[in-house]
Protein backbone atom coordinates (compact mmCIF):
# COMPACT_ATOMS: atom_id res chain seq x y z
CA MET A 1 108.92 150.39 202.50
CA SER A 2 106.03 148.59 200.78
CA ILE A 3 102.44 149.39 201.71
CA ASP A 4 100.25 146.53 202.94
CA TRP A 5 97.04 147.50 201.14
CA ASN A 6 95.17 144.54 202.66
CA ARG A 7 95.61 145.67 206.27
CA ARG A 8 95.27 149.32 205.29
CA THR A 9 91.87 148.64 203.72
CA CYS A 10 90.73 146.48 206.66
CA ALA A 11 91.72 149.25 209.07
CA ARG A 12 89.44 151.61 207.15
CA LYS A 13 86.54 149.32 206.23
CA GLY A 14 86.78 146.49 208.75
CA HIS A 15 87.47 142.76 208.38
CA ILE A 16 85.45 140.35 206.23
CA THR A 17 85.03 136.84 207.68
CA TYR A 18 83.22 133.77 206.35
CA ALA A 19 82.51 130.28 207.74
CA PRO A 20 82.59 127.66 204.95
CA ASP A 21 80.54 124.48 205.32
CA GLU A 22 83.48 122.23 204.39
CA PRO A 23 84.85 120.91 207.74
CA GLY A 24 88.53 120.90 206.82
CA LEU A 25 88.49 124.38 205.35
CA ARG A 26 86.31 125.67 208.20
CA GLU A 27 88.86 124.51 210.77
CA ARG A 28 91.69 126.26 208.94
CA LEU A 29 89.87 129.60 209.20
CA HIS A 30 88.59 129.23 212.76
CA ALA A 31 90.11 129.06 216.24
CA GLU A 32 89.14 129.34 219.89
CA THR A 33 91.14 131.73 222.06
CA ALA A 34 90.99 133.14 225.57
CA VAL A 35 89.13 136.18 224.23
CA GLY A 36 86.58 134.09 222.33
CA THR A 37 85.99 132.71 218.85
CA VAL A 38 88.14 134.17 216.06
CA TRP A 39 87.88 133.87 212.26
CA ARG A 40 90.43 134.72 209.62
CA CYS A 41 89.72 137.81 207.56
CA LEU A 42 89.36 137.00 203.86
CA ARG A 43 91.22 140.19 202.92
CA CYS A 44 94.19 140.61 205.25
CA GLY A 45 94.40 137.08 206.74
CA ASP A 46 94.43 138.28 210.36
CA PHE A 47 92.15 136.70 212.95
CA ALA A 48 89.16 138.81 214.00
CA VAL A 49 87.19 138.22 217.21
CA GLY A 50 83.49 137.49 216.83
CA GLU A 51 81.08 135.50 214.73
CA PRO A 52 81.65 135.32 210.96
CA HIS A 53 79.84 137.76 208.69
CA GLY A 54 78.50 134.91 206.57
CA SER A 55 78.49 131.15 206.12
CA GLY A 56 77.76 128.52 203.48
CA PRO A 57 79.60 126.59 200.78
CA ALA A 58 83.09 127.82 199.98
CA ASP A 59 82.17 128.56 196.37
CA HIS A 60 79.43 130.92 197.61
CA ALA A 61 81.84 133.00 199.69
CA PRO A 62 82.35 136.62 198.65
CA LEU A 63 85.34 137.11 196.38
CA VAL A 64 87.22 139.74 198.36
CA PRO A 65 89.91 141.65 196.43
CA ARG A 66 93.30 141.30 198.09
CA GLY A 67 96.93 141.80 197.16
CA LYS A 68 97.43 142.71 193.50
CA ALA A 69 93.67 142.59 192.84
CA LEU A 70 93.08 145.16 195.58
CA ARG A 71 95.77 147.44 194.18
CA ASP A 72 94.25 147.14 190.70
CA LEU A 73 90.83 148.04 192.13
CA LEU A 74 92.23 151.19 193.74
CA ILE A 75 93.77 152.26 190.42
CA LEU A 76 90.49 151.59 188.62
CA ARG A 77 88.64 153.74 191.14
CA PHE A 78 91.12 156.57 190.61
CA LEU A 79 90.35 156.38 186.89
CA ALA A 80 86.63 156.20 187.72
CA VAL A 81 86.76 159.45 189.69
CA GLU A 82 88.68 161.13 186.86
CA ARG A 83 86.04 159.98 184.34
CA LEU A 84 83.16 161.16 186.52
CA LEU A 85 84.69 164.61 187.04
CA ARG A 86 85.43 164.95 183.34
CA GLY A 87 81.87 163.94 182.45
CA LEU A 88 80.41 166.53 184.83
CA LEU A 89 82.65 169.29 183.42
CA ILE A 90 81.60 168.41 179.86
CA LEU A 91 77.93 168.53 180.92
CA VAL A 92 78.47 172.04 182.30
CA ALA A 93 80.19 173.07 179.06
CA ALA A 94 77.31 171.61 177.02
CA TRP A 95 74.79 173.58 179.07
CA ALA A 96 76.85 176.75 178.47
CA VAL A 97 76.89 176.15 174.69
CA TRP A 98 73.13 175.55 174.64
CA LYS A 99 72.50 178.65 176.76
CA PHE A 100 74.76 180.68 174.48
CA SER A 101 72.94 179.45 171.34
CA ASN A 102 69.66 180.90 172.62
CA SER A 103 71.09 184.36 173.37
CA GLN A 104 73.93 184.96 170.89
CA ASP A 105 73.01 188.58 170.19
CA ALA A 106 72.74 189.50 173.87
CA VAL A 107 76.06 187.79 174.65
CA ARG A 108 77.70 189.51 171.66
CA ARG A 109 76.59 192.95 172.90
CA LEU A 110 77.72 192.19 176.44
CA PHE A 111 81.08 190.92 175.21
CA GLU A 112 81.76 193.94 173.01
CA SER A 113 80.74 196.30 175.83
CA ASP A 114 83.09 194.62 178.31
CA LEU A 115 85.85 194.48 175.69
CA THR A 116 85.62 198.24 175.18
CA ALA A 117 85.91 198.81 178.91
CA LEU A 118 88.98 196.57 179.11
CA LYS A 119 90.86 198.15 176.23
CA PRO A 120 92.51 200.97 178.28
CA PHE A 121 93.68 198.43 180.87
CA ALA A 122 95.07 196.13 178.14
CA SER A 123 96.76 199.03 176.36
CA HIS A 124 98.59 199.90 179.57
CA PHE A 125 100.28 196.48 179.35
CA HIS A 126 100.79 196.83 175.56
CA TYR A 127 98.29 194.09 174.73
CA ASP A 128 96.17 194.54 171.58
CA LEU A 129 92.74 193.08 172.32
CA ASP A 130 91.44 193.67 168.78
CA HIS A 131 94.03 191.26 167.34
CA SER A 132 94.08 188.77 170.19
CA PRO A 133 93.64 185.13 169.04
CA VAL A 134 91.31 184.48 171.97
CA VAL A 135 89.11 187.48 171.14
CA GLU A 136 89.02 186.53 167.46
CA THR A 137 87.93 182.96 168.32
CA ILE A 138 85.14 184.25 170.55
CA ARG A 139 83.94 186.65 167.84
CA LYS A 140 83.85 183.81 165.29
CA SER A 141 81.64 181.78 167.63
CA PHE A 142 79.00 184.53 167.45
CA ASP A 143 78.58 183.76 163.74
CA TYR A 144 77.80 180.07 164.25
CA LYS A 145 74.27 178.99 163.39
CA LYS A 146 71.94 178.17 166.23
CA SER A 147 71.39 174.65 164.85
CA THR A 148 75.15 174.06 164.74
CA LEU A 149 75.52 175.06 168.38
CA HIS A 150 72.63 172.78 169.35
CA THR A 151 74.34 169.90 167.55
CA VAL A 152 77.60 170.62 169.36
CA ALA A 153 75.79 170.74 172.70
CA GLY A 154 74.06 167.41 171.96
CA LEU A 155 77.36 165.72 171.03
CA MET A 156 78.94 167.05 174.21
CA VAL A 157 76.08 165.64 176.30
CA GLY A 158 76.51 162.24 174.62
CA TYR A 159 80.25 162.23 175.28
CA ALA A 160 79.67 163.29 178.90
CA LEU A 161 77.21 160.43 179.45
CA ILE A 162 79.77 157.95 178.09
CA GLU A 163 82.35 159.28 180.55
CA ILE A 164 79.91 159.06 183.47
CA VAL A 165 78.87 155.51 182.56
CA GLU A 166 82.56 154.57 182.34
CA GLY A 167 83.15 156.08 185.77
CA PHE A 168 80.40 154.12 187.51
CA GLY A 169 81.37 150.90 185.72
CA LEU A 170 85.05 151.24 186.62
CA TRP A 171 84.17 152.02 190.25
CA TRP A 172 82.37 148.67 190.51
CA ALA A 173 85.08 146.92 188.44
CA LYS A 174 82.67 145.79 185.71
CA ARG A 175 84.38 144.10 182.78
CA TRP A 176 82.10 145.75 180.20
CA ALA A 177 83.20 149.14 181.60
CA GLU A 178 86.85 148.20 181.07
CA TYR A 179 86.12 147.38 177.41
CA LEU A 180 84.13 150.61 177.01
CA THR A 181 86.93 152.67 178.58
CA VAL A 182 89.61 151.17 176.35
CA VAL A 183 87.59 151.61 173.12
CA ALA A 184 86.30 155.12 173.90
CA THR A 185 89.65 156.41 175.18
CA ALA A 186 91.70 154.89 172.34
CA ALA A 187 89.30 156.40 169.77
CA PHE A 188 90.12 159.93 170.96
CA LEU A 189 93.91 159.45 171.19
CA PRO A 190 94.52 160.43 167.51
CA LEU A 191 92.50 163.63 168.05
CA GLU A 192 94.58 164.49 171.13
CA VAL A 193 97.78 163.93 169.14
CA TYR A 194 96.45 166.18 166.36
CA GLU A 195 95.67 168.94 168.88
CA LEU A 196 99.30 168.83 170.03
CA THR A 197 100.46 169.54 166.48
CA ASP A 198 98.38 172.73 166.54
CA LYS A 199 99.42 173.98 169.97
CA VAL A 200 101.48 172.31 172.69
CA SER A 201 100.53 172.75 176.36
CA TYR A 202 101.35 170.88 179.55
CA PHE A 203 97.64 170.15 180.10
CA LYS A 204 97.28 168.53 176.66
CA ILE A 205 100.46 166.49 177.14
CA GLY A 206 99.35 165.34 180.60
CA THR A 207 95.91 164.34 179.31
CA LEU A 208 97.40 162.39 176.40
CA VAL A 209 99.88 160.54 178.64
CA LEU A 210 97.22 159.72 181.25
CA ASN A 211 94.80 158.35 178.66
CA ALA A 212 97.48 156.31 176.88
CA LEU A 213 98.68 154.80 180.17
CA ALA A 214 95.10 154.03 181.20
CA VAL A 215 94.47 152.16 177.94
CA LEU A 216 97.68 150.11 178.23
CA TYR A 217 97.16 149.39 181.93
CA ILE A 218 93.57 148.14 181.54
CA LEU A 219 94.41 146.16 178.40
CA LEU A 220 97.30 144.27 180.01
CA THR A 221 96.17 143.85 183.61
CA LYS A 222 92.58 142.93 182.77
CA ARG A 223 93.64 140.75 179.79
CA LEU A 224 91.09 142.30 177.43
CA PHE A 225 90.55 141.15 173.83
CA GLY A 226 92.21 137.81 174.58
CA LEU A 227 95.54 139.31 175.66
CA ARG A 228 97.62 137.20 178.07
CA GLY A 229 95.05 134.40 178.14
CA GLY A 230 91.90 136.52 178.10
CA ALA A 231 89.01 136.42 180.54
CA ALA A 232 89.64 132.82 181.65
CA ALA A 233 93.22 133.61 182.71
CA PHE A 234 92.06 136.80 184.43
CA GLU A 235 89.43 134.95 186.50
CA ALA A 236 91.93 132.21 187.39
CA GLU A 237 94.45 134.83 188.52
CA ARG A 238 91.85 136.65 190.61
CA ARG A 239 90.66 133.47 192.32
CA SER A 240 94.21 132.28 192.96
CA ALA A 241 94.64 135.28 195.24
CA SER A 242 91.51 134.41 197.25
CA LEU A 243 92.27 133.36 200.82
CA LEU A 244 89.70 130.58 200.65
CA GLU A 245 91.33 129.18 197.51
CA VAL A 246 94.78 129.38 199.10
CA GLU A 247 93.68 127.63 202.30
CA GLN A 248 91.78 124.99 200.36
CA ALA A 249 94.82 124.24 198.23
CA ALA A 250 97.03 124.10 201.32
CA GLY A 251 94.69 121.56 202.90
CA GLU A 252 94.73 119.28 199.85
CA VAL A 253 98.33 118.06 200.09
CA PRO A 254 98.96 115.11 197.72
CA GLY A 255 99.39 111.89 199.70
CA GLY A 256 98.17 113.48 202.90
CA PRO A 257 95.27 112.20 205.01
CA ASP A 258 91.80 113.26 203.93
CA PRO A 259 89.80 114.15 207.07
CA ASP A 260 86.51 113.32 205.32
CA GLY A 261 87.76 110.35 203.26
CA PRO A 262 86.95 106.68 203.80
CA GLY A 263 88.76 104.91 206.61
CA SER A 264 89.85 108.10 208.28
CA PRO A 265 88.47 109.41 211.55
CA ALA A 266 85.79 112.08 211.33
CA GLU A 267 87.83 114.37 213.51
CA PRO A 268 88.94 117.79 212.27
CA PRO A 269 92.67 118.43 211.96
CA ALA A 270 94.41 119.81 214.98
CA LYS A 271 94.18 123.58 215.20
CA GLN A 272 97.37 125.52 214.96
CA PRO A 273 98.06 127.72 217.98
CA LEU A 274 97.80 131.42 217.31
CA PRO A 275 101.12 133.27 217.35
CA VAL A 276 101.76 135.14 220.58
CA ARG A 277 103.94 138.22 220.53
CA ARG A 278 106.11 138.36 223.67
CA ARG A 279 107.68 141.49 225.05
CA SER A 280 111.48 141.48 225.11
CA ALA A 281 113.06 141.46 228.57
CA PRO A 282 114.71 144.68 229.74
CA ALA A 283 118.46 144.86 229.34
CA GLY A 284 120.41 143.41 232.24
CA THR A 285 117.68 141.00 233.42
CA GLU A 286 117.44 137.24 233.07
CA PRO A 287 114.44 135.86 231.28
CA ARG A 288 112.15 133.84 233.46
């Protein structure tokens, strides 16, 4: 069962209606019913009761994502949330490194004190803390220079800001953010592959797969770097899904009468009656 993302989004956010100035197109989106004036939603195509949310020339109407474009926007926003969360976590880690650089001796003493207290507990489970790889890595970090730790913290802050900027840009579907995401993510893929050669973990594999899929998805669907026709083809595809564009094309049938053309009456085309859903008659009764 396929999900109708258009109606699902309208149910959550509400309909978006628009009254174009062009008479023929205006009549195709508008109707009078027993319950009042109705206008077609630019996202789901259903008729909504009430006055339109905006009006003006058709080319000034809001470009409402629908269909495939709406699905792509939802995926981009998922990636945006992931980038924002990652950026915030890296900022926290950078703050921890900077804090640690200013109190290495105090942290070393606290660590060694706690390690001594944990040794009997670890020995009970036959775990040698003195030769643990984790403990050895932590002890090596105490020997790093303060300037080195400050540099690491600064680089982490820079990387976190890139991730946060990517997140906000992807949330608003900015094309520059798509380029930034592809370049920044692809640049770190070799490093992630190298880390897997050192030690394999499900987290590292999942991160690598997610980043690789994100790069391929944005490259192909957004037609970046000239792929599949580039930006021009992407804009044409996005506008071809617009309800206004569809209705305008449907009203411009070759050889058909032009309501606003010379020699034709200045009357709008006849409105199509709205579909009425009838209840089925109970079994055993004759329809009236």
